[in-house]
Amino acid sequence: HTQFSDLGKAIFENLTMDIKSIDLNKKTV
């Protein structure tokens, strides 16, 4: 169902994900 593609783009269009910290030992971000 291609309709979900447009819905997904609408939901995430304004999403921002900024990295604050990375812990390589614990494998977390």
PDB file of all heavy atoms in Angstrom:
ATOM      1  N   HIS A   1       0.843  -1.194   0.000  1.00  0.00           N
ATOM      2  CA  HIS A   1       0.000   0.000   0.000  1.00  0.00           C
ATOM      3  C   HIS A   1       0.881   1.248   0.000  1.00  0.00           C
ATOM      4  O   HIS A   1       1.444   1.636   1.011  1.00  0.00           O
ATOM      5  CB  HIS A   1      -0.933   0.012   1.211  1.00  0.00           C
ATOM      6  CG  HIS A   1      -1.927  -1.113   1.218  1.00  0.00           C
ATOM      7  ND1 HIS A   1      -2.996  -1.158   0.362  1.00  0.00           N
ATOM      8  CD2 HIS A   1      -1.978  -2.259   1.945  1.00  0.00           C
ATOM      9  CE1 HIS A   1      -3.689  -2.270   0.579  1.00  0.00           C
ATOM     10  NE2 HIS A   1      -3.084  -2.948   1.528  1.00  0.00           N
ATOM     11  N   THR A   2       0.968   1.890  -1.153  1.00  0.00           N
ATOM     12  CA  THR A   2       1.849   3.051  -1.305  1.00  0.00           C
ATOM     13  C   THR A   2       1.384   4.248  -0.488  1.00  0.00           C
ATOM     14  O   THR A   2       2.157   5.176  -0.260  1.00  0.00           O
ATOM     15  CB  THR A   2       1.939   3.464  -2.781  1.00  0.00           C
ATOM     16  OG1 THR A   2       0.616   3.762  -3.277  1.00  0.00           O
ATOM     17  CG2 THR A   2       2.526   2.344  -3.625  1.00  0.00           C
ATOM     18  N   GLN A   3       0.133   4.241  -0.050  1.00  0.00           N
ATOM     19  CA  GLN A   3      -0.372   5.375   0.731  1.00  0.00           C
ATOM     20  C   GLN A   3       0.438   5.593   2.009  1.00  0.00           C
ATOM     21  O   GLN A   3       0.543   6.711   2.502  1.00  0.00           O
ATOM     22  CB  GLN A   3      -1.842   5.157   1.102  1.00  0.00           C
ATOM     23  CG  GLN A   3      -2.795   5.077  -0.088  1.00  0.00           C
ATOM     24  CD  GLN A   3      -2.992   3.658  -0.569  1.00  0.00           C
ATOM     25  OE1 GLN A   3      -2.167   2.784  -0.306  1.00  0.00           O
ATOM     26  NE2 GLN A   3      -4.088   3.410  -1.276  1.00  0.00           N
ATOM     27  N   PHE A   4       1.001   4.512   2.540  1.00  0.00           N
ATOM     28  CA  PHE A   4       1.735   4.627   3.786  1.00  0.00           C
ATOM     29  C   PHE A   4       3.037   5.405   3.631  1.00  0.00           C
ATOM     30  O   PHE A   4       3.552   5.956   4.589  1.00  0.00           O
ATOM     31  CB  PHE A   4       2.017   3.242   4.360  1.00  0.00           C
ATOM     32  CG  PHE A   4       0.796   2.568   4.902  1.00  0.00           C
ATOM     33  CD1 PHE A   4       0.145   1.611   4.151  1.00  0.00           C
ATOM     34  CD2 PHE A   4       0.290   2.910   6.139  1.00  0.00           C
ATOM     35  CE1 PHE A   4      -1.000   0.993   4.645  1.00  0.00           C
ATOM     36  CE2 PHE A   4      -0.848   2.298   6.634  1.00  0.00           C
ATOM     37  CZ  PHE A   4      -1.488   1.335   5.880  1.00  0.00           C
ATOM     38  N   SER A   5       3.580   5.426   2.430  1.00  0.00           N
ATOM     39  CA  SER A   5       4.809   6.175   2.198  1.00  0.00           C
ATOM     40  C   SER A   5       4.588   7.663   2.437  1.00  0.00           C
ATOM     41  O   SER A   5       5.372   8.328   3.106  1.00  0.00           O
ATOM     42  CB  SER A   5       5.311   5.930   0.774  1.00  0.00           C
ATOM     43  OG  SER A   5       6.486   6.666   0.526  1.00  0.00           O
ATOM     44  N   ASP A   6       3.500   8.200   1.883  1.00  0.00           N
ATOM     45  CA  ASP A   6       3.188   9.620   2.081  1.00  0.00           C
ATOM     46  C   ASP A   6       2.920   9.922   3.549  1.00  0.00           C
ATOM     47  O   ASP A   6       3.312  10.967   4.068  1.00  0.00           O
ATOM     48  CB  ASP A   6       1.966  10.014   1.245  1.00  0.00           C
ATOM     49  CG  ASP A   6       2.266  10.024  -0.245  1.00  0.00           C
ATOM     50  OD1 ASP A   6       3.454  10.174  -0.605  1.00  0.00           O
ATOM     51  OD2 ASP A   6       1.321   9.868  -1.041  1.00  0.00           O
ATOM     52  N   LEU A   7       2.242   8.993   4.223  1.00  0.00           N
ATOM     53  CA  LEU A   7       1.960   9.191   5.641  1.00  0.00           C
ATOM     54  C   LEU A   7       3.243   9.184   6.454  1.00  0.00           C
ATOM     55  O   LEU A   7       3.442  10.002   7.344  1.00  0.00           O
ATOM     56  CB  LEU A   7       1.009   8.109   6.145  1.00  0.00           C
ATOM     57  CG  LEU A   7       0.638   8.160   7.623  1.00  0.00           C
ATOM     58  CD1 LEU A   7       0.031   9.507   7.984  1.00  0.00           C
ATOM     59  CD2 LEU A   7      -0.327   7.034   7.958  1.00  0.00           C
ATOM     60  N   GLY A   8       4.139   8.263   6.125  1.00  0.00           N
ATOM     61  CA  GLY A   8       5.412   8.202   6.837  1.00  0.00           C
ATOM     62  C   GLY A   8       6.221   9.465   6.665  1.00  0.00           C
ATOM     63  O   GLY A   8       6.798   9.995   7.615  1.00  0.00           O
ATOM     64  N   LYS A   9       6.269   9.963   5.441  1.00  0.00           N
ATOM     65  CA  LYS A   9       7.015  11.196   5.179  1.00  0.00           C
ATOM     66  C   LYS A   9       6.414  12.363   5.956  1.00  0.00           C
ATOM     67  O   LYS A   9       7.136  13.227   6.458  1.00  0.00           O
ATOM     68  CB  LYS A   9       7.015  11.499   3.685  1.00  0.00           C
ATOM     69  CG  LYS A   9       7.855  10.536   2.871  1.00  0.00           C
ATOM     70  CD  LYS A   9       7.722  10.804   1.376  1.00  0.00           C
ATOM     71  CE  LYS A   9       8.517   9.795   0.574  1.00  0.00           C
ATOM     72  NZ  LYS A   9       8.349   9.981  -0.890  1.00  0.00           N
ATOM     73  N   ALA A  10       5.079  12.391   6.057  1.00  0.00           N
ATOM     74  CA  ALA A  10       4.424  13.474   6.797  1.00  0.00           C
ATOM     75  C   ALA A  10       4.762  13.406   8.281  1.00  0.00           C
ATOM     76  O   ALA A  10       5.030  14.422   8.926  1.00  0.00           O
ATOM     77  CB  ALA A  10       2.910  13.406   6.593  1.00  0.00           C
ATOM     78  N   ILE A  11       4.763  12.197   8.830  1.00  0.00           N
ATOM     79  CA  ILE A  11       5.044  12.026  10.255  1.00  0.00           C
ATOM     80  C   ILE A  11       6.469  12.451  10.598  1.00  0.00           C
ATOM     81  O   ILE A  11       6.712  13.109  11.607  1.00  0.00           O
ATOM     82  CB  ILE A  11       4.806  10.569  10.684  1.00  0.00           C
ATOM     83  CG1 ILE A  11       3.308  10.281  10.738  1.00  0.00           C
ATOM     84  CG2 ILE A  11       5.435  10.284  12.050  1.00  0.00           C
ATOM     85  CD1 ILE A  11       2.965   8.846  11.087  1.00  0.00           C
ATOM     86  N   PHE A  12       7.420  12.095   9.745  1.00  0.00           N
ATOM     87  CA  PHE A  12       8.827  12.309  10.080  1.00  0.00           C
ATOM     88  C   PHE A  12       9.458  13.523   9.402  1.00  0.00           C
ATOM     89  O   PHE A  12      10.654  13.779   9.570  1.00  0.00           O
ATOM     90  CB  PHE A  12       9.626  11.060   9.726  1.00  0.00           C
ATOM     91  CG  PHE A  12       9.204   9.840  10.479  1.00  0.00           C
ATOM     92  CD1 PHE A  12       8.596   8.771   9.833  1.00  0.00           C
ATOM     93  CD2 PHE A  12       9.378   9.759  11.855  1.00  0.00           C
ATOM     94  CE1 PHE A  12       8.192   7.649  10.531  1.00  0.00           C
ATOM     95  CE2 PHE A  12       8.977   8.640  12.570  1.00  0.00           C
ATOM     96  CZ  PHE A  12       8.383   7.583  11.904  1.00  0.00           C
ATOM     97  N   GLU A  13       8.669  14.282   8.662  1.00  0.00           N
ATOM     98  CA  GLU A  13       9.210  15.423   7.918  1.00  0.00           C
ATOM     99  C   GLU A  13       9.966  16.407   8.802  1.00  0.00           C
ATOM    100  O   GLU A  13      11.002  16.964   8.420  1.00  0.00           O
ATOM    101  CB  GLU A  13       8.077  16.151   7.190  1.00  0.00           C
ATOM    102  CG  GLU A  13       8.537  17.360   6.398  1.00  0.00           C
ATOM    103  CD  GLU A  13       7.396  18.069   5.695  1.00  0.00           C
ATOM    104  OE1 GLU A  13       6.220  17.668   5.887  1.00  0.00           O
ATOM    105  OE2 GLU A  13       7.673  19.037   4.951  1.00  0.00           O
ATOM    106  N   ASN A  14       9.455  16.642   9.998  1.00  0.00           N
ATOM    107  CA  ASN A  14      10.043  17.647  10.889  1.00  0.00           C
ATOM    108  C   ASN A  14      10.892  17.047  12.006  1.00  0.00           C
ATOM    109  O   ASN A  14      11.281  17.743  12.944  1.00  0.00           O
ATOM    110  CB  ASN A  14       8.938  18.501  11.494  1.00  0.00           C
ATOM    111  CG  ASN A  14       8.190  19.298  10.450  1.00  0.00           C
ATOM    112  OD1 ASN A  14       8.647  20.345  10.000  1.00  0.00           O
ATOM    113  ND2 ASN A  14       7.029  18.796  10.031  1.00  0.00           N
ATOM    114  N   LEU A  15      11.176  15.763  11.903  1.00  0.00           N
ATOM    115  CA  LEU A  15      11.970  15.080  12.923  1.00  0.00           C
ATOM    116  C   LEU A  15      13.420  15.579  12.926  1.00  0.00           C
ATOM    117  O   LEU A  15      14.037  15.761  11.894  1.00  0.00           O
ATOM    118  CB  LEU A  15      11.975  13.572  12.649  1.00  0.00           C
ATOM    119  CG  LEU A  15      12.911  12.714  13.497  1.00  0.00           C
ATOM    120  CD1 LEU A  15      12.488  12.716  14.954  1.00  0.00           C
ATOM    121  CD2 LEU A  15      12.963  11.288  12.937  1.00  0.00           C
ATOM    122  N   THR A  16      13.943  15.802  14.133  1.00  0.00           N
ATOM    123  CA  THR A  16      15.368  16.098  14.301  1.00  0.00           C
ATOM    124  C   THR A  16      15.936  15.138  15.330  1.00  0.00           C
ATOM    125  O   THR A  16      15.299  14.836  16.339  1.00  0.00           O
ATOM    126  CB  THR A  16      15.619  17.540  14.765  1.00  0.00           C
ATOM    127  OG1 THR A  16      14.977  17.762  16.022  1.00  0.00           O
ATOM    128  CG2 THR A  16      15.093  18.543  13.747  1.00  0.00           C
ATOM    129  N   MET A  17      17.151  14.616  15.053  1.00  0.00           N
ATOM    130  CA  MET A  17      17.827  13.696  15.967  1.00  0.00           C
ATOM    131  C   MET A  17      19.267  14.188  16.136  1.00  0.00           C
ATOM    132  O   MET A  17      20.094  13.993  15.246  1.00  0.00           O
ATOM    133  CB  MET A  17      17.797  12.267  15.406  1.00  0.00           C
ATOM    134  CG  MET A  17      16.399  11.691  15.289  1.00  0.00           C
ATOM    135  SD  MET A  17      16.330  10.116  14.324  1.00  0.00           S
ATOM    136  CE  MET A  17      17.506   9.103  15.221  1.00  0.00           C
ATOM    137  N   ASP A  18      19.538  14.827  17.259  1.00  0.00           N
ATOM    138  CA  ASP A  18      20.866  15.383  17.515  1.00  0.00           C
ATOM    139  C   ASP A  18      21.599  14.538  18.550  1.00  0.00           C
ATOM    140  O   ASP A  18      21.081  14.273  19.639  1.00  0.00           O
ATOM    141  CB  ASP A  18      20.753  16.827  18.021  1.00  0.00           C
ATOM    142  CG  ASP A  18      20.101  17.744  16.996  1.00  0.00           C
ATOM    143  OD1 ASP A  18      20.424  17.606  15.805  1.00  0.00           O
ATOM    144  OD2 ASP A  18      19.259  18.586  17.393  1.00  0.00           O
ATOM    145  N   ILE A  19      22.804  14.130  18.214  1.00  0.00           N
ATOM    146  CA  ILE A  19      23.595  13.300  19.121  1.00  0.00           C
ATOM    147  C   ILE A  19      24.132  14.144  20.278  1.00  0.00           C
ATOM    148  O   ILE A  19      24.766  15.174  20.066  1.00  0.00           O
ATOM    149  CB  ILE A  19      24.762  12.637  18.371  1.00  0.00           C
ATOM    150  CG1 ILE A  19      24.226  11.665  17.315  1.00  0.00           C
ATOM    151  CG2 ILE A  19      25.680  11.899  19.348  1.00  0.00           C
ATOM    152  CD1 ILE A  19      25.310  11.024  16.472  1.00  0.00           C
ATOM    153  N   LYS A  20      23.863  13.677  21.495  1.00  0.00           N
ATOM    154  CA  LYS A  20      24.370  14.353  22.692  1.00  0.00           C
ATOM    155  C   LYS A  20      25.639  13.680  23.202  1.00  0.00           C
ATOM    156  O   LYS A  20      26.577  14.347  23.638  1.00  0.00           O
ATOM    157  CB  LYS A  20      23.302  14.349  23.791  1.00  0.00           C
ATOM    158  CG  LYS A  20      21.965  14.942  23.368  1.00  0.00           C
ATOM    159  CD  LYS A  20      22.077  16.407  22.981  1.00  0.00           C
ATOM    160  CE  LYS A  20      22.378  17.276  24.188  1.00  0.00           C
ATOM    161  NZ  LYS A  20      22.405  18.710  23.830  1.00  0.00           N
ATOM    162  N   SER A  21      25.664  12.342  23.194  1.00  0.00           N
ATOM    163  CA  SER A  21      26.843  11.626  23.665  1.00  0.00           C
ATOM    164  C   SER A  21      26.860  10.213  23.099  1.00  0.00           C
ATOM    165  O   SER A  21      25.814   9.660  22.748  1.00  0.00           O
ATOM    166  CB  SER A  21      26.880  11.569  25.201  1.00  0.00           C
ATOM    167  OG  SER A  21      25.772  10.837  25.702  1.00  0.00           O
ATOM    168  N   ILE A  22      28.070   9.654  23.013  1.00  0.00           N
ATOM    169  CA  ILE A  22      28.266   8.287  22.526  1.00  0.00           C
ATOM    170  C   ILE A  22      29.142   7.539  23.520  1.00  0.00           C
ATOM    171  O   ILE A  22      30.190   8.041  23.915  1.00  0.00           O
ATOM    172  CB  ILE A  22      28.931   8.275  21.137  1.00  0.00           C
ATOM    173  CG1 ILE A  22      28.064   8.997  20.101  1.00  0.00           C
ATOM    174  CG2 ILE A  22      29.221   6.845  20.685  1.00  0.00           C
ATOM    175  CD1 ILE A  22      28.739   9.182  18.752  1.00  0.00           C
ATOM    176  N   ASP A  23      28.697   6.356  23.926  1.00  0.00           N
ATOM    177  CA  ASP A  23      29.491   5.514  24.815  1.00  0.00           C
ATOM    178  C   ASP A  23      29.818   4.231  24.058  1.00  0.00           C
ATOM    179  O   ASP A  23      28.982   3.334  23.927  1.00  0.00           O
ATOM    180  CB  ASP A  23      28.706   5.189  26.099  1.00  0.00           C
ATOM    181  CG  ASP A  23      29.577   4.517  27.158  1.00  0.00           C
ATOM    182  OD1 ASP A  23      30.463   3.724  26.776  1.00  0.00           O
ATOM    183  OD2 ASP A  23      29.361   4.775  28.362  1.00  0.00           O
ATOM    184  N   LEU A  24      31.039   4.148  23.548  1.00  0.00           N
ATOM    185  CA  LEU A  24      31.429   3.002  22.744  1.00  0.00           C
ATOM    186  C   LEU A  24      31.561   1.737  23.572  1.00  0.00           C
ATOM    187  O   LEU A  24      31.328   0.632  23.069  1.00  0.00           O
ATOM    188  CB  LEU A  24      32.743   3.293  22.017  1.00  0.00           C
ATOM    189  CG  LEU A  24      32.719   4.472  21.028  1.00  0.00           C
ATOM    190  CD1 LEU A  24      34.094   4.659  20.404  1.00  0.00           C
ATOM    191  CD2 LEU A  24      31.663   4.236  19.945  1.00  0.00           C
ATOM    192  N   ASN A  25      31.926   1.862  24.826  1.00  0.00           N
ATOM    193  CA  ASN A  25      32.065   0.688  25.696  1.00  0.00           C
ATOM    194  C   ASN A  25      30.716   0.040  25.983  1.00  0.00           C
ATOM    195  O   ASN A  25      30.564  -1.183  25.931  1.00  0.00           O
ATOM    196  CB  ASN A  25      32.759   1.067  26.996  1.00  0.00           C
ATOM    197  CG  ASN A  25      34.204   1.474  26.792  1.00  0.00           C
ATOM    198  OD1 ASN A  25      34.901   0.901  25.948  1.00  0.00           O
ATOM    199  ND2 ASN A  25      34.665   2.456  27.554  1.00  0.00           N
ATOM    200  N   LYS A  26      29.721   0.871  26.288  1.00  0.00           N
ATOM    201  CA  LYS A  26      28.380   0.352  26.574  1.00  0.00           C
ATOM    202  C   LYS A  26      27.558   0.167  25.302  1.00  0.00           C
ATOM    203  O   LYS A  26      26.457  -0.393  25.343  1.00  0.00           O
ATOM    204  CB  LYS A  26      27.645   1.304  27.520  1.00  0.00           C
ATOM    205  CG  LYS A  26      28.256   1.385  28.907  1.00  0.00           C
ATOM    206  CD  LYS A  26      27.442   2.315  29.796  1.00  0.00           C
ATOM    207  CE  LYS A  26      28.020   2.385  31.202  1.00  0.00           C
ATOM    208  NZ  LYS A  26      27.233   3.291  32.086  1.00  0.00           N
ATOM    209  N   LYS A  27      28.086   0.657  24.190  1.00  0.00           N
ATOM    210  CA  LYS A  27      27.385   0.621  22.910  1.00  0.00           C
ATOM    211  C   LYS A  27      26.022   1.311  23.012  1.00  0.00           C
ATOM    212  O   LYS A  27      24.971   0.723  22.724  1.00  0.00           O
ATOM    213  CB  LYS A  27      27.231  -0.815  22.407  1.00  0.00           C
ATOM    214  CG  LYS A  27      28.547  -1.456  21.982  1.00  0.00           C
ATOM    215  CD  LYS A  27      28.326  -2.814  21.331  1.00  0.00           C
ATOM    216  CE  LYS A  27      29.652  -3.389  20.843  1.00  0.00           C
ATOM    217  NZ  LYS A  27      29.485  -4.708  20.189  1.00  0.00           N
ATOM    218  N   THR A  28      26.063   2.564  23.423  1.00  0.00           N
ATOM    219  CA  THR A  28      24.857   3.378  23.520  1.00  0.00           C
ATOM    220  C   THR A  28      25.107   4.747  22.907  1.00  0.00           C
ATOM    221  O   THR A  28      26.241   5.223  22.850  1.00  0.00           O
ATOM    222  CB  THR A  28      24.400   3.576  24.979  1.00  0.00           C
ATOM    223  OG1 THR A  28      25.431   4.261  25.710  1.00  0.00           O
ATOM    224  CG2 THR A  28      24.094   2.246  25.645  1.00  0.00           C
ATOM    225  N   VAL A  29      24.036   5.375  22.473  1.00  0.00           N
ATOM    226  CA  VAL A  29      24.101   6.746  21.992  1.00  0.00           C
ATOM    227  C   VAL A  29      22.888   7.487  22.554  1.00  0.00           C
ATOM    228  O   VAL A  29      21.768   6.971  22.540  1.00  0.00           O
ATOM    229  CB  VAL A  29      24.121   6.813  20.446  1.00  0.00           C
ATOM    230  CG1 VAL A  29      22.910   6.120  19.850  1.00  0.00           C
ATOM    231  CG2 VAL A  29      24.190   8.267  19.971  1.00  0.00           C
TER     232      VAL A  29
END
